[in-house]
Amino acid sequence: MAPMNDSERLSRLRHDLSNPLSALLAETQLLLLNESQIDPETLTGLREIEALAIRMRTMLREI
């Protein structure tokens, strides 16, 4: 098997990071659907997770 070039490595890394990131974002957003039942501290944490996951997804799409 031939070694991967930089483009192939980057594509693989993007793919390997995108799948768990999508799951993290989806689960966080599902929890946020019930925000009235979540204490303020946890709600703040979930919103931060959501914002950071969206930021990471944008970064992955740009590389």
PDB file of N, CA and C in Angstrom:
ATOM      1  N   MET A   1       0.835  -1.175   0.000  1.00  0.00           N
ATOM      2  CA  MET A   1       0.000   0.000   0.000  1.00  0.00           C
ATOM      3  C   MET A   1       0.885   1.245   0.000  1.00  0.00           C
ATOM      4  N   ALA A   2       0.612   2.151  -0.914  1.00  0.00           N
ATOM      5  CA  ALA A   2       1.414   3.366  -1.039  1.00  0.00           C
ATOM      6  C   ALA A   2       1.085   4.337   0.092  1.00  0.00           C
ATOM      7  N   PRO A   3       2.100   5.072   0.548  1.00  0.00           N
ATOM      8  CA  PRO A   3       1.830   6.066   1.593  1.00  0.00           C
ATOM      9  C   PRO A   3       0.909   7.172   1.075  1.00  0.00           C
ATOM     10  N   MET A   4       0.127   7.740   1.983  1.00  0.00           N
ATOM     11  CA  MET A   4      -0.795   8.811   1.601  1.00  0.00           C
ATOM     12  C   MET A   4      -0.029  10.119   1.412  1.00  0.00           C
ATOM     13  N   ASN A   5      -0.488  10.904   0.442  1.00  0.00           N
ATOM     14  CA  ASN A   5       0.088  12.232   0.295  1.00  0.00           C
ATOM     15  C   ASN A   5      -0.637  13.186   1.246  1.00  0.00           C
ATOM     16  N   ASP A   6      -0.191  14.436   1.296  1.00  0.00           N
ATOM     17  CA  ASP A   6      -0.773  15.398   2.232  1.00  0.00           C
ATOM     18  C   ASP A   6      -2.264  15.628   1.983  1.00  0.00           C
ATOM     19  N   SER A   7      -2.651  15.682   0.731  1.00  0.00           N
ATOM     20  CA  SER A   7      -4.058  15.904   0.399  1.00  0.00           C
ATOM     21  C   SER A   7      -4.923  14.745   0.883  1.00  0.00           C
ATOM     22  N   GLU A   8      -4.444  13.542   0.697  1.00  0.00           N
ATOM     23  CA  GLU A   8      -5.183  12.357   1.148  1.00  0.00           C
ATOM     24  C   GLU A   8      -5.264  12.307   2.668  1.00  0.00           C
ATOM     25  N   ARG A   9      -4.168  12.654   3.336  1.00  0.00           N
ATOM     26  CA  ARG A   9      -4.160  12.676   4.804  1.00  0.00           C
ATOM     27  C   ARG A   9      -5.148  13.711   5.337  1.00  0.00           C
ATOM     28  N   LEU A  10      -5.155  14.875   4.699  1.00  0.00           N
ATOM     29  CA  LEU A  10      -6.065  15.933   5.119  1.00  0.00           C
ATOM     30  C   LEU A  10      -7.518  15.520   4.902  1.00  0.00           C
ATOM     31  N   SER A  11      -7.794  14.904   3.785  1.00  0.00           N
ATOM     32  CA  SER A  11      -9.149  14.435   3.498  1.00  0.00           C
ATOM     33  C   SER A  11      -9.579  13.389   4.527  1.00  0.00           C
ATOM     34  N   ARG A  12      -8.688  12.493   4.854  1.00  0.00           N
ATOM     35  CA  ARG A  12      -8.999  11.449   5.843  1.00  0.00           C
ATOM     36  C   ARG A  12      -9.229  12.045   7.225  1.00  0.00           C
ATOM     37  N   LEU A  13      -8.383  12.996   7.593  1.00  0.00           N
ATOM     38  CA  LEU A  13      -8.524  13.654   8.885  1.00  0.00           C
ATOM     39  C   LEU A  13      -9.858  14.397   8.961  1.00  0.00           C
ATOM     40  N   ARG A  14     -10.208  15.113   7.900  1.00  0.00           N
ATOM     41  CA  ARG A  14     -11.474  15.839   7.847  1.00  0.00           C
ATOM     42  C   ARG A  14     -12.641  14.873   8.040  1.00  0.00           C
ATOM     43  N   HIS A  15     -12.599  13.764   7.336  1.00  0.00           N
ATOM     44  CA  HIS A  15     -13.659  12.758   7.442  1.00  0.00           C
ATOM     45  C   HIS A  15     -13.713  12.145   8.841  1.00  0.00           C
ATOM     46  N   ASP A  16     -12.553  11.781   9.369  1.00  0.00           N
ATOM     47  CA  ASP A  16     -12.508  11.125  10.678  1.00  0.00           C
ATOM     48  C   ASP A  16     -12.964  12.052  11.811  1.00  0.00           C
ATOM     49  N   LEU A  17     -12.754  13.335  11.669  1.00  0.00           N
ATOM     50  CA  LEU A  17     -13.191  14.287  12.687  1.00  0.00           C
ATOM     51  C   LEU A  17     -14.649  14.697  12.504  1.00  0.00           C
ATOM     52  N   SER A  18     -15.113  14.707  11.277  1.00  0.00           N
ATOM     53  CA  SER A  18     -16.479  15.167  10.993  1.00  0.00           C
ATOM     54  C   SER A  18     -17.546  14.253  11.577  1.00  0.00           C
ATOM     55  N   ASN A  19     -17.341  12.961  11.525  1.00  0.00           N
ATOM     56  CA  ASN A  19     -18.361  12.033  12.018  1.00  0.00           C
ATOM     57  C   ASN A  19     -18.645  12.181  13.514  1.00  0.00           C
ATOM     58  N   PRO A  20     -17.635  12.115  14.379  1.00  0.00           N
ATOM     59  CA  PRO A  20     -17.949  12.286  15.806  1.00  0.00           C
ATOM     60  C   PRO A  20     -18.401  13.709  16.125  1.00  0.00           C
ATOM     61  N   LEU A  21     -17.892  14.688  15.388  1.00  0.00           N
ATOM     62  CA  LEU A  21     -18.311  16.059  15.607  1.00  0.00           C
ATOM     63  C   LEU A  21     -19.793  16.246  15.282  1.00  0.00           C
ATOM     64  N   SER A  22     -20.239  15.639  14.208  1.00  0.00           N
ATOM     65  CA  SER A  22     -21.663  15.708  13.847  1.00  0.00           C
ATOM     66  C   SER A  22     -22.535  15.065  14.913  1.00  0.00           C
ATOM     67  N   ALA A  23     -22.091  13.952  15.451  1.00  0.00           N
ATOM     68  CA  ALA A  23     -22.848  13.280  16.515  1.00  0.00           C
ATOM     69  C   ALA A  23     -22.894  14.153  17.769  1.00  0.00           C
ATOM     70  N   LEU A  24     -21.783  14.752  18.124  1.00  0.00           N
ATOM     71  CA  LEU A  24     -21.722  15.632  19.287  1.00  0.00           C
ATOM     72  C   LEU A  24     -22.672  16.810  19.125  1.00  0.00           C
ATOM     73  N   LEU A  25     -22.650  17.421  17.964  1.00  0.00           N
ATOM     74  CA  LEU A  25     -23.515  18.557  17.702  1.00  0.00           C
ATOM     75  C   LEU A  25     -24.996  18.150  17.734  1.00  0.00           C
ATOM     76  N   ALA A  26     -25.310  17.040  17.111  1.00  0.00           N
ATOM     77  CA  ALA A  26     -26.703  16.572  17.078  1.00  0.00           C
ATOM     78  C   ALA A  26     -27.219  16.272  18.488  1.00  0.00           C
ATOM     79  N   GLU A  27     -26.435  15.596  19.280  1.00  0.00           N
ATOM     80  CA  GLU A  27     -26.870  15.257  20.643  1.00  0.00           C
ATOM     81  C   GLU A  27     -27.030  16.505  21.501  1.00  0.00           C
ATOM     82  N   THR A  28     -26.127  17.439  21.335  1.00  0.00           N
ATOM     83  CA  THR A  28     -26.223  18.696  22.081  1.00  0.00           C
ATOM     84  C   THR A  28     -27.486  19.452  21.695  1.00  0.00           C
ATOM     85  N   GLN A  29     -27.765  19.517  20.413  1.00  0.00           N
ATOM     86  CA  GLN A  29     -28.949  20.227  19.954  1.00  0.00           C
ATOM     87  C   GLN A  29     -30.233  19.526  20.392  1.00  0.00           C
ATOM     88  N   LEU A  30     -30.210  18.209  20.465  1.00  0.00           N
ATOM     89  CA  LEU A  30     -31.375  17.486  20.993  1.00  0.00           C
ATOM     90  C   LEU A  30     -31.616  17.838  22.459  1.00  0.00           C
ATOM     91  N   LEU A  31     -30.560  17.904  23.233  1.00  0.00           N
ATOM     92  CA  LEU A  31     -30.709  18.287  24.638  1.00  0.00           C
ATOM     93  C   LEU A  31     -31.250  19.704  24.766  1.00  0.00           C
ATOM     94  N   LEU A  32     -30.801  20.593  23.886  1.00  0.00           N
ATOM     95  CA  LEU A  32     -31.241  21.988  23.937  1.00  0.00           C
ATOM     96  C   LEU A  32     -32.709  22.162  23.565  1.00  0.00           C
ATOM     97  N   LEU A  33     -33.306  21.163  22.953  1.00  0.00           N
ATOM     98  CA  LEU A  33     -34.742  21.239  22.648  1.00  0.00           C
ATOM     99  C   LEU A  33     -35.576  21.299  23.925  1.00  0.00           C
ATOM    100  N   ASN A  34     -35.018  20.811  25.022  1.00  0.00           N
ATOM    101  CA  ASN A  34     -35.709  20.808  26.318  1.00  0.00           C
ATOM    102  C   ASN A  34     -35.069  21.803  27.278  1.00  0.00           C
ATOM    103  N   GLU A  35     -34.665  22.959  26.763  1.00  0.00           N
ATOM    104  CA  GLU A  35     -33.903  23.883  27.595  1.00  0.00           C
ATOM    105  C   GLU A  35     -34.662  24.373  28.823  1.00  0.00           C
ATOM    106  N   SER A  36     -35.971  24.367  28.791  1.00  0.00           N
ATOM    107  CA  SER A  36     -36.739  24.810  29.959  1.00  0.00           C
ATOM    108  C   SER A  36     -36.570  23.854  31.139  1.00  0.00           C
ATOM    109  N   GLN A  37     -36.126  22.643  30.876  1.00  0.00           N
ATOM    110  CA  GLN A  37     -35.942  21.646  31.928  1.00  0.00           C
ATOM    111  C   GLN A  37     -34.493  21.537  32.389  1.00  0.00           C
ATOM    112  N   ILE A  38     -33.621  22.396  31.855  1.00  0.00           N
ATOM    113  CA  ILE A  38     -32.189  22.308  32.146  1.00  0.00           C
ATOM    114  C   ILE A  38     -31.779  23.469  33.035  1.00  0.00           C
ATOM    115  N   ASP A  39     -30.981  23.169  34.054  1.00  0.00           N
ATOM    116  CA  ASP A  39     -30.535  24.226  34.952  1.00  0.00           C
ATOM    117  C   ASP A  39     -29.622  25.204  34.191  1.00  0.00           C
ATOM    118  N   PRO A  40     -29.555  26.457  34.632  1.00  0.00           N
ATOM    119  CA  PRO A  40     -28.819  27.491  33.902  1.00  0.00           C
ATOM    120  C   PRO A  40     -27.344  27.171  33.650  1.00  0.00           C
ATOM    121  N   GLU A  41     -26.679  26.570  34.614  1.00  0.00           N
ATOM    122  CA  GLU A  41     -25.256  26.251  34.444  1.00  0.00           C
ATOM    123  C   GLU A  41     -25.061  25.209  33.336  1.00  0.00           C
ATOM    124  N   THR A  42     -25.879  24.189  33.338  1.00  0.00           N
ATOM    125  CA  THR A  42     -25.798  23.153  32.310  1.00  0.00           C
ATOM    126  C   THR A  42     -26.178  23.720  30.950  1.00  0.00           C
ATOM    127  N   LEU A  43     -27.188  24.573  30.922  1.00  0.00           N
ATOM    128  CA  LEU A  43     -27.618  25.203  29.686  1.00  0.00           C
ATOM    129  C   LEU A  43     -26.487  26.039  29.073  1.00  0.00           C
ATOM    130  N   THR A  44     -25.789  26.775  29.899  1.00  0.00           N
ATOM    131  CA  THR A  44     -24.646  27.560  29.428  1.00  0.00           C
ATOM    132  C   THR A  44     -23.581  26.640  28.830  1.00  0.00           C
ATOM    133  N   GLY A  45     -23.310  25.550  29.496  1.00  0.00           N
ATOM    134  CA  GLY A  45     -22.323  24.588  28.995  1.00  0.00           C
ATOM    135  C   GLY A  45     -22.735  23.973  27.669  1.00  0.00           C
ATOM    136  N   LEU A  46     -23.997  23.603  27.553  1.00  0.00           N
ATOM    137  CA  LEU A  46     -24.486  23.012  26.298  1.00  0.00           C
ATOM    138  C   LEU A  46     -24.426  24.014  25.150  1.00  0.00           C
ATOM    139  N   ARG A  47     -24.754  25.260  25.433  1.00  0.00           N
ATOM    140  CA  ARG A  47     -24.676  26.285  24.378  1.00  0.00           C
ATOM    141  C   ARG A  47     -23.232  26.513  23.933  1.00  0.00           C
ATOM    142  N   GLU A  48     -22.318  26.433  24.886  1.00  0.00           N
ATOM    143  CA  GLU A  48     -20.899  26.589  24.552  1.00  0.00           C
ATOM    144  C   GLU A  48     -20.423  25.405  23.708  1.00  0.00           C
ATOM    145  N   ILE A  49     -20.827  24.209  24.078  1.00  0.00           N
ATOM    146  CA  ILE A  49     -20.477  23.024  23.287  1.00  0.00           C
ATOM    147  C   ILE A  49     -21.018  23.166  21.868  1.00  0.00           C
ATOM    148  N   GLU A  50     -22.267  23.596  21.752  1.00  0.00           N
ATOM    149  CA  GLU A  50     -22.863  23.779  20.433  1.00  0.00           C
ATOM    150  C   GLU A  50     -22.087  24.794  19.609  1.00  0.00           C
ATOM    151  N   ALA A  51     -21.770  25.937  20.199  1.00  0.00           N
ATOM    152  CA  ALA A  51     -21.053  26.986  19.470  1.00  0.00           C
ATOM    153  C   ALA A  51     -19.667  26.513  19.025  1.00  0.00           C
ATOM    154  N   LEU A  52     -18.974  25.823  19.904  1.00  0.00           N
ATOM    155  CA  LEU A  52     -17.635  25.337  19.559  1.00  0.00           C
ATOM    156  C   LEU A  52     -17.684  24.236  18.499  1.00  0.00           C
ATOM    157  N   ALA A  53     -18.689  23.380  18.573  1.00  0.00           N
ATOM    158  CA  ALA A  53     -18.833  22.326  17.562  1.00  0.00           C
ATOM    159  C   ALA A  53     -19.124  22.936  16.192  1.00  0.00           C
ATOM    160  N   ILE A  54     -19.963  23.958  16.164  1.00  0.00           N
ATOM    161  CA  ILE A  54     -20.255  24.630  14.894  1.00  0.00           C
ATOM    162  C   ILE A  54     -18.994  25.302  14.359  1.00  0.00           C
ATOM    163  N   ARG A  55     -18.240  25.914  15.247  1.00  0.00           N
ATOM    164  CA  ARG A  55     -16.969  26.544  14.832  1.00  0.00           C
ATOM    165  C   ARG A  55     -16.002  25.511  14.253  1.00  0.00           C
ATOM    166  N   MET A  56     -15.893  24.361  14.924  1.00  0.00           N
ATOM    167  CA  MET A  56     -15.003  23.308  14.430  1.00  0.00           C
ATOM    168  C   MET A  56     -15.477  22.773  13.080  1.00  0.00           C
ATOM    169  N   ARG A  57     -16.788  22.606  12.924  1.00  0.00           N
ATOM    170  CA  ARG A  57     -17.330  22.125  11.651  1.00  0.00           C
ATOM    171  C   ARG A  57     -16.997  23.105  10.528  1.00  0.00           C
ATOM    172  N   THR A  58     -17.113  24.385  10.802  1.00  0.00           N
ATOM    173  CA  THR A  58     -16.765  25.416   9.808  1.00  0.00           C
ATOM    174  C   THR A  58     -15.281  25.323   9.449  1.00  0.00           C
ATOM    175  N   MET A  59     -14.447  25.166  10.446  1.00  0.00           N
ATOM    176  CA  MET A  59     -13.009  25.056  10.199  1.00  0.00           C
ATOM    177  C   MET A  59     -12.694  23.838   9.325  1.00  0.00           C
ATOM    178  N   LEU A  60     -13.332  22.721   9.629  1.00  0.00           N
ATOM    179  CA  LEU A  60     -13.086  21.503   8.835  1.00  0.00           C
ATOM    180  C   LEU A  60     -13.528  21.696   7.379  1.00  0.00           C
ATOM    181  N   ARG A  61     -14.612  22.402   7.177  1.00  0.00           N
ATOM    182  CA  ARG A  61     -15.093  22.622   5.818  1.00  0.00           C
ATOM    183  C   ARG A  61     -14.169  23.544   5.030  1.00  0.00           C
ATOM    184  N   GLU A  62     -13.448  24.408   5.749  1.00  0.00           N
ATOM    185  CA  GLU A  62     -12.574  25.375   5.086  1.00  0.00           C
ATOM    186  C   GLU A  62     -11.210  24.805   4.724  1.00  0.00           C
ATOM    187  N   ILE A  63     -10.844  23.682   5.308  1.00  0.00           N
ATOM    188  CA  ILE A  63      -9.519  23.117   4.991  1.00  0.00           C
ATOM    189  C   ILE A  63      -9.616  22.066   3.909  1.00  0.00           C
TER     190      ILE A  63
END
